[in-house]
């Protein structure tokens, strides 16, 4: 398994972190990740997701793959390219999902506690494409209406390649404030949108 060298640990990490922070602070807004070419990405894995993981993961945190995409090839690829060991879903800080097909492991993510609500997981959902606005498309898609902190009135996000069951599961997971999980949606084009636990989301 080859270690990727196309990501600058200083400059690209800073640019990626700024994009992620902007995305979380303005739910429904699409931000762009640095355009980096990875040469050995396993089939079916969204390359920009590696940039996010390389930015957020170090020896102090943990990440996991869910059962639906935990192939030996992808597991080895991420272990080689990240400074964080691969662990179990229940205790992981960051968990990668294939957004096109709902995985029951989503309901096993840690949600924090009343004393430490920040001790919760962030889910990274790899989807087909993100587009701002409530658009009509020929491709099956979800239209997300976002409201709450960081949103002026409401904002809309159209997502292709997203199983709507993730929205239903998120509502059940985040039903006791301030407990819950935060989401990042990312597509192969390097577009990313954040949906923190404080955001109200309606899907259509």
Foldseek 3Di string as FASTA:
>chain_A
DDAWDFADLPPQLVQQVVQVVLQALAFLDKGFHDDTDGDDDDPPDQVLVLSVCQNPDAQVFEEEEAPVPPDPVNQVRSVRHHNHHYDDQQQHQEYEDAQLDDDPSLLNWFFADPVGRVSTHEYEYEFADKDWDDDDDPADWKKKWKDFRNYDPITIMITGSGDCVVVVSQCVQLVDPPTGYKYWYAYNRRIIHIDGSRMDIDID
